[in-house]
C-alpha atoms as a PDB file:
ATOM      1  CA  MET A   1      30.991  23.336 -41.040  1.00  0.00           C
ATOM      2  CA  GLN A   2      27.645  22.707 -39.416  1.00  0.00           C
ATOM      3  CA  ASP A   3      25.241  20.197 -40.869  1.00  0.00           C
ATOM      4  CA  VAL A   4      21.955  22.008 -41.372  1.00  0.00           C
ATOM      5  CA  SER A   5      19.020  20.002 -42.602  1.00  0.00           C
ATOM      6  CA  ILE A   6      15.888  21.586 -43.945  1.00  0.00           C
ATOM      7  CA  GLN A   7      12.675  19.586 -43.864  1.00  0.00           C
ATOM      8  CA  THR A   8      10.131  19.874 -46.601  1.00  0.00           C
ATOM      9  CA  ALA A   9       6.425  19.933 -45.814  1.00  0.00           C
ATOM     10  CA  ALA A  10       6.137  16.236 -46.662  1.00  0.00           C
ATOM     11  CA  GLU A  11       8.952  15.314 -44.258  1.00  0.00           C
ATOM     12  CA  GLN A  12       7.554  17.211 -41.279  1.00  0.00           C
ATOM     13  CA  GLU A  13       5.701  15.312 -38.599  1.00  0.00           C
ATOM     14  CA  PRO A  14       1.945  15.265 -39.109  1.00  0.00           C
ATOM     15  CA  ILE A  15      -0.162  17.442 -36.833  1.00  0.00           C
ATOM     16  CA  PRO A  16      -2.338  15.298 -34.537  1.00  0.00           C
ATOM     17  CA  GLU A  17      -6.075  15.333 -35.205  1.00  0.00           C
ATOM     18  CA  GLY A  18      -8.146  17.691 -33.106  1.00  0.00           C
ATOM     19  CA  SER A  19      -5.445  20.304 -32.912  1.00  0.00           C
ATOM     20  CA  ALA A  20      -5.003  22.858 -35.638  1.00  0.00           C
ATOM     21  CA  ALA A  21      -1.712  24.538 -36.300  1.00  0.00           C
ATOM     22  CA  PRO A  22      -1.612  28.187 -35.191  1.00  0.00           C
ATOM     23  CA  ALA A  23      -0.987  29.352 -38.779  1.00  0.00           C
ATOM     24  CA  ALA A  24      -3.986  27.392 -40.037  1.00  0.00           C
ATOM     25  CA  GLU A  25      -6.177  28.985 -37.340  1.00  0.00           C
ATOM     26  CA  GLU A  26      -5.074  32.471 -38.362  1.00  0.00           C
ATOM     27  CA  ALA A  27      -5.675  31.725 -42.050  1.00  0.00           C
ATOM     28  CA  ALA A  28      -9.173  30.364 -41.345  1.00  0.00           C
ATOM     29  CA  ALA A  29      -9.990  33.412 -39.197  1.00  0.00           C
ATOM     30  CA  GLN A  30      -8.883  35.763 -42.020  1.00  0.00           C
ATOM     31  CA  ARG A  31     -11.133  33.975 -44.528  1.00  0.00           C
ATOM     32  CA  GLY A  32     -14.069  34.301 -42.141  1.00  0.00           C
ATOM     33  CA  GLU A  33     -14.411  30.563 -41.599  1.00  0.00           C
ATOM     34  CA  PRO A  34     -15.313  29.334 -38.117  1.00  0.00           C
ATOM     35  CA  VAL A  35     -12.359  27.990 -36.211  1.00  0.00           C
ATOM     36  CA  PRO A  36     -13.115  24.857 -34.162  1.00  0.00           C
ATOM     37  CA  PRO A  37     -12.191  25.304 -30.518  1.00  0.00           C
ATOM     38  CA  LEU A  38      -9.212  23.409 -29.317  1.00  0.00           C
ATOM     39  CA  ALA A  39      -9.823  20.704 -26.773  1.00  0.00           C
ATOM     40  CA  PRO A  40      -8.850  21.891 -23.308  1.00  0.00           C
ATOM     41  CA  ALA A  41      -5.548  20.488 -22.253  1.00  0.00           C
ATOM     42  CA  GLU A  42      -5.864  18.053 -19.372  1.00  0.00           C
ATOM     43  CA  PRO A  43      -3.607  18.896 -16.474  1.00  0.00           C
ATOM     44  CA  GLU A  44      -0.844  16.398 -16.039  1.00  0.00           C
ATOM     45  CA  LYS A  45      -1.195  14.261 -12.969  1.00  0.00           C
ATOM     46  CA  PRO A  46       1.941  14.073 -10.894  1.00  0.00           C
ATOM     47  CA  ALA A  47       3.585  10.690 -11.088  1.00  0.00           C
ATOM     48  CA  ARG A  48       2.633   8.632  -8.076  1.00  0.00           C
ATOM     49  CA  GLN A  49       5.756   7.681  -6.265  1.00  0.00           C
ATOM     50  CA  LYS A  50       5.909   4.167  -4.916  1.00  0.00           C
ATOM     51  CA  ARG A  51       7.232   3.735  -1.440  1.00  0.00           C
ATOM     52  CA  VAL A  52      10.391   1.739  -1.508  1.00  0.00           C
ATOM     53  CA  PRO A  53      10.386  -0.788   1.337  1.00  0.00           C
ATOM     54  CA  ASP A  54      13.067  -0.346   3.940  1.00  0.00           C
ATOM     55  CA  THR A  55      15.212  -3.462   3.689  1.00  0.00           C
ATOM     56  CA  SER A  56      17.868  -2.385   6.159  1.00  0.00           C
ATOM     57  CA  VAL A  57      18.652  -4.847   8.903  1.00  0.00           C
ATOM     58  CA  MET A  58      17.035  -4.118  12.277  1.00  0.00           C
ATOM     59  CA  LYS A  59      19.507  -3.582  15.063  1.00  0.00           C
ATOM     60  CA  VAL A  60      19.395  -5.513  18.343  1.00  0.00           C
ATOM     61  CA  GLY A  61      17.834  -2.538  20.134  1.00  0.00           C
ATOM     62  CA  SER A  62      15.028  -2.415  17.576  1.00  0.00           C
ATOM     63  CA  TYR A  63      14.312  -6.099  18.079  1.00  0.00           C
ATOM     64  CA  MET A  64      14.299  -5.645  21.853  1.00  0.00           C
ATOM     65  CA  GLY A  65      11.832  -2.763  21.586  1.00  0.00           C
ATOM     66  CA  ALA A  66       9.633  -4.776  19.225  1.00  0.00           C
ATOM     67  CA  LEU A  67       9.626  -7.759  21.577  1.00  0.00           C
ATOM     68  CA  VAL A  68       8.713  -5.551  24.530  1.00  0.00           C
ATOM     69  CA  LEU A  69       5.766  -4.150  22.548  1.00  0.00           C
ATOM     70  CA  LEU A  70       4.693  -7.662  21.554  1.00  0.00           C
ATOM     71  CA  ALA A  71       4.753  -8.744  25.217  1.00  0.00           C
ATOM     72  CA  ILE A  72       2.037  -6.243  26.251  1.00  0.00           C
ATOM     73  CA  PRO A  73      -1.491  -7.698  25.893  1.00  0.00           C
ATOM     74  CA  LEU A  74      -3.788  -5.971  23.364  1.00  0.00           C
ATOM     75  CA  VAL A  75      -0.973  -3.607  22.384  1.00  0.00           C
ATOM     76  CA  ASN A  76       0.714  -6.559  20.697  1.00  0.00           C
ATOM     77  CA  LEU A  77      -2.243  -7.157  18.380  1.00  0.00           C
ATOM     78  CA  ILE A  78      -2.542  -3.476  17.446  1.00  0.00           C
ATOM     79  CA  VAL A  79       1.189  -3.080  16.859  1.00  0.00           C
ATOM     80  CA  SER A  80       1.526  -6.288  14.844  1.00  0.00           C
ATOM     81  CA  LEU A  81      -1.443  -5.327  12.632  1.00  0.00           C
ATOM     82  CA  LYS A  82       0.073  -1.861  12.098  1.00  0.00           C
ATOM     83  CA  TRP A  83       3.387  -3.407  11.069  1.00  0.00           C
ATOM     84  CA  ILE A  84       1.642  -5.847   8.730  1.00  0.00           C
ATOM     85  CA  LEU A  85      -0.600  -3.278   7.021  1.00  0.00           C
ATOM     86  CA  THR A  86       1.894  -0.393   6.724  1.00  0.00           C
ATOM     87  CA  ARG A  87       3.503  -0.232   3.299  1.00  0.00           C
ATOM     88  CA  GLY A  88       7.065   0.934   2.928  1.00  0.00           C
ATOM     89  CA  GLY A  89       8.076   0.127   6.510  1.00  0.00           C
ATOM     90  CA  ASN A  90      10.967  -2.044   7.576  1.00  0.00           C
ATOM     91  CA  ARG A  91      10.671  -5.475   5.992  1.00  0.00           C
ATOM     92  CA  ASN A  92      12.158  -7.224   9.040  1.00  0.00           C
ATOM     93  CA  ARG A  93       9.643  -5.596  11.365  1.00  0.00           C
ATOM     94  CA  ARG A  94       6.796  -6.480   8.995  1.00  0.00           C
ATOM     95  CA  ASN A  95       7.894 -10.125   8.904  1.00  0.00           C
ATOM     96  CA  LEU A  96       8.134 -10.140  12.706  1.00  0.00           C
ATOM     97  CA  GLY A  97       4.561  -8.803  12.888  1.00  0.00           C
ATOM     98  CA  ILE A  98       3.332 -11.465  10.447  1.00  0.00           C
ATOM     99  CA  ALA A  99       5.061 -14.230  12.408  1.00  0.00           C
ATOM    100  CA  PHE A 100       3.609 -12.994  15.702  1.00  0.00           C
ATOM    101  CA  PHE A 101       0.096 -12.665  14.284  1.00  0.00           C
ATOM    102  CA  LEU A 102       0.192 -16.152  12.747  1.00  0.00           C
ATOM    103  CA  LEU A 103       1.416 -17.675  16.020  1.00  0.00           C
ATOM    104  CA  PHE A 104      -1.312 -15.781  17.872  1.00  0.00           C
ATOM    105  CA  LEU A 105      -3.963 -17.217  15.547  1.00  0.00           C
ATOM    106  CA  ILE A 106      -2.544 -20.750  15.820  1.00  0.00           C
ATOM    107  CA  PHE A 107      -2.545 -20.636  19.632  1.00  0.00           C
ATOM    108  CA  ALA A 108      -6.048 -19.124  19.709  1.00  0.00           C
ATOM    109  CA  VAL A 109      -7.338 -22.029  17.591  1.00  0.00           C
ATOM    110  CA  ILE A 110      -5.546 -24.586  19.776  1.00  0.00           C
ATOM    111  CA  ILE A 111      -6.966 -23.075  22.993  1.00  0.00           C
ATOM    112  CA  ALA A 112     -10.474 -22.935  21.513  1.00  0.00           C
ATOM    113  CA  ALA A 113     -10.177 -26.593  20.431  1.00  0.00           C
ATOM    114  CA  VAL A 114      -8.991 -27.640  23.905  1.00  0.00           C
ATOM    115  CA  CYS A 115     -11.933 -25.800  25.509  1.00  0.00           C
ATOM    116  CA  VAL A 116     -14.428 -27.498  23.180  1.00  0.00           C
ATOM    117  CA  ILE A 117     -12.889 -30.944  23.711  1.00  0.00           C
ATOM    118  CA  ALA A 118     -12.851 -30.468  27.490  1.00  0.00           C
ATOM    119  CA  ARG A 119     -16.532 -29.487  27.444  1.00  0.00           C
ATOM    120  CA  VAL A 120     -17.678 -32.285  25.119  1.00  0.00           C
ATOM    121  CA  GLN A 121     -15.513 -35.174  26.333  1.00  0.00           C
ATOM    122  CA  PHE A 122     -15.158 -34.479  30.036  1.00  0.00           C
ATOM    123  CA  ASP A 123     -18.102 -32.166  30.757  1.00  0.00           C
ATOM    124  CA  PHE A 124     -15.639 -29.674  32.167  1.00  0.00           C
ATOM    125  CA  ASP A 125     -16.205 -25.958  31.600  1.00  0.00           C
ATOM    126  CA  MET A 126     -12.675 -24.791  30.887  1.00  0.00           C
ATOM    127  CA  VAL A 127     -13.758 -21.188  30.173  1.00  0.00           C
ATOM    128  CA  ALA A 128     -15.434 -20.833  33.601  1.00  0.00           C
ATOM    129  CA  TYR A 129     -12.402 -22.414  35.254  1.00  0.00           C
ATOM    130  CA  LEU A 130      -9.973 -20.036  33.503  1.00  0.00           C
ATOM    131  CA  LEU A 131     -12.167 -17.018  34.334  1.00  0.00           C
ATOM    132  CA  GLY A 132     -12.197 -18.160  37.990  1.00  0.00           C
ATOM    133  CA  LEU A 133      -8.412 -18.260  37.959  1.00  0.00           C
ATOM    134  CA  ILE A 134      -8.247 -14.751  36.542  1.00  0.00           C
ATOM    135  CA  ARG A 135     -10.734 -13.348  39.052  1.00  0.00           C
ATOM    136  CA  GLY A 136      -8.993 -15.118  41.933  1.00  0.00           C
ATOM    137  CA  VAL A 137     -12.078 -17.031  43.096  1.00  0.00           C
END
């Protein structure tokens, strides 16, 4: 035998404010009373899906390709910044980009400090000397 439960009016869930039941709207319209307009339903926004980071281990070939890219001047900075700022990419590659970029910044500060010390202490223009080496003069 099926268990059938009948709810009385007092047991039913209350109707939220601002929305009238369809039967109440019809009854008010029959009595000639003005029916308040229902608030327009807001469209549901699709749930924003979070990108799940790729935590798979990079293979040796991937590391070799990454190291080749990091060995090319200017490309290495662009590639490492892309790896750092891209969400949802491979975590290992992102960490490699962070490590490279931090080492790049550390060496840039060390070279700048050596150039300043050479200029102040020894009156030697290291920048002009290095540019002369590059130009082949």
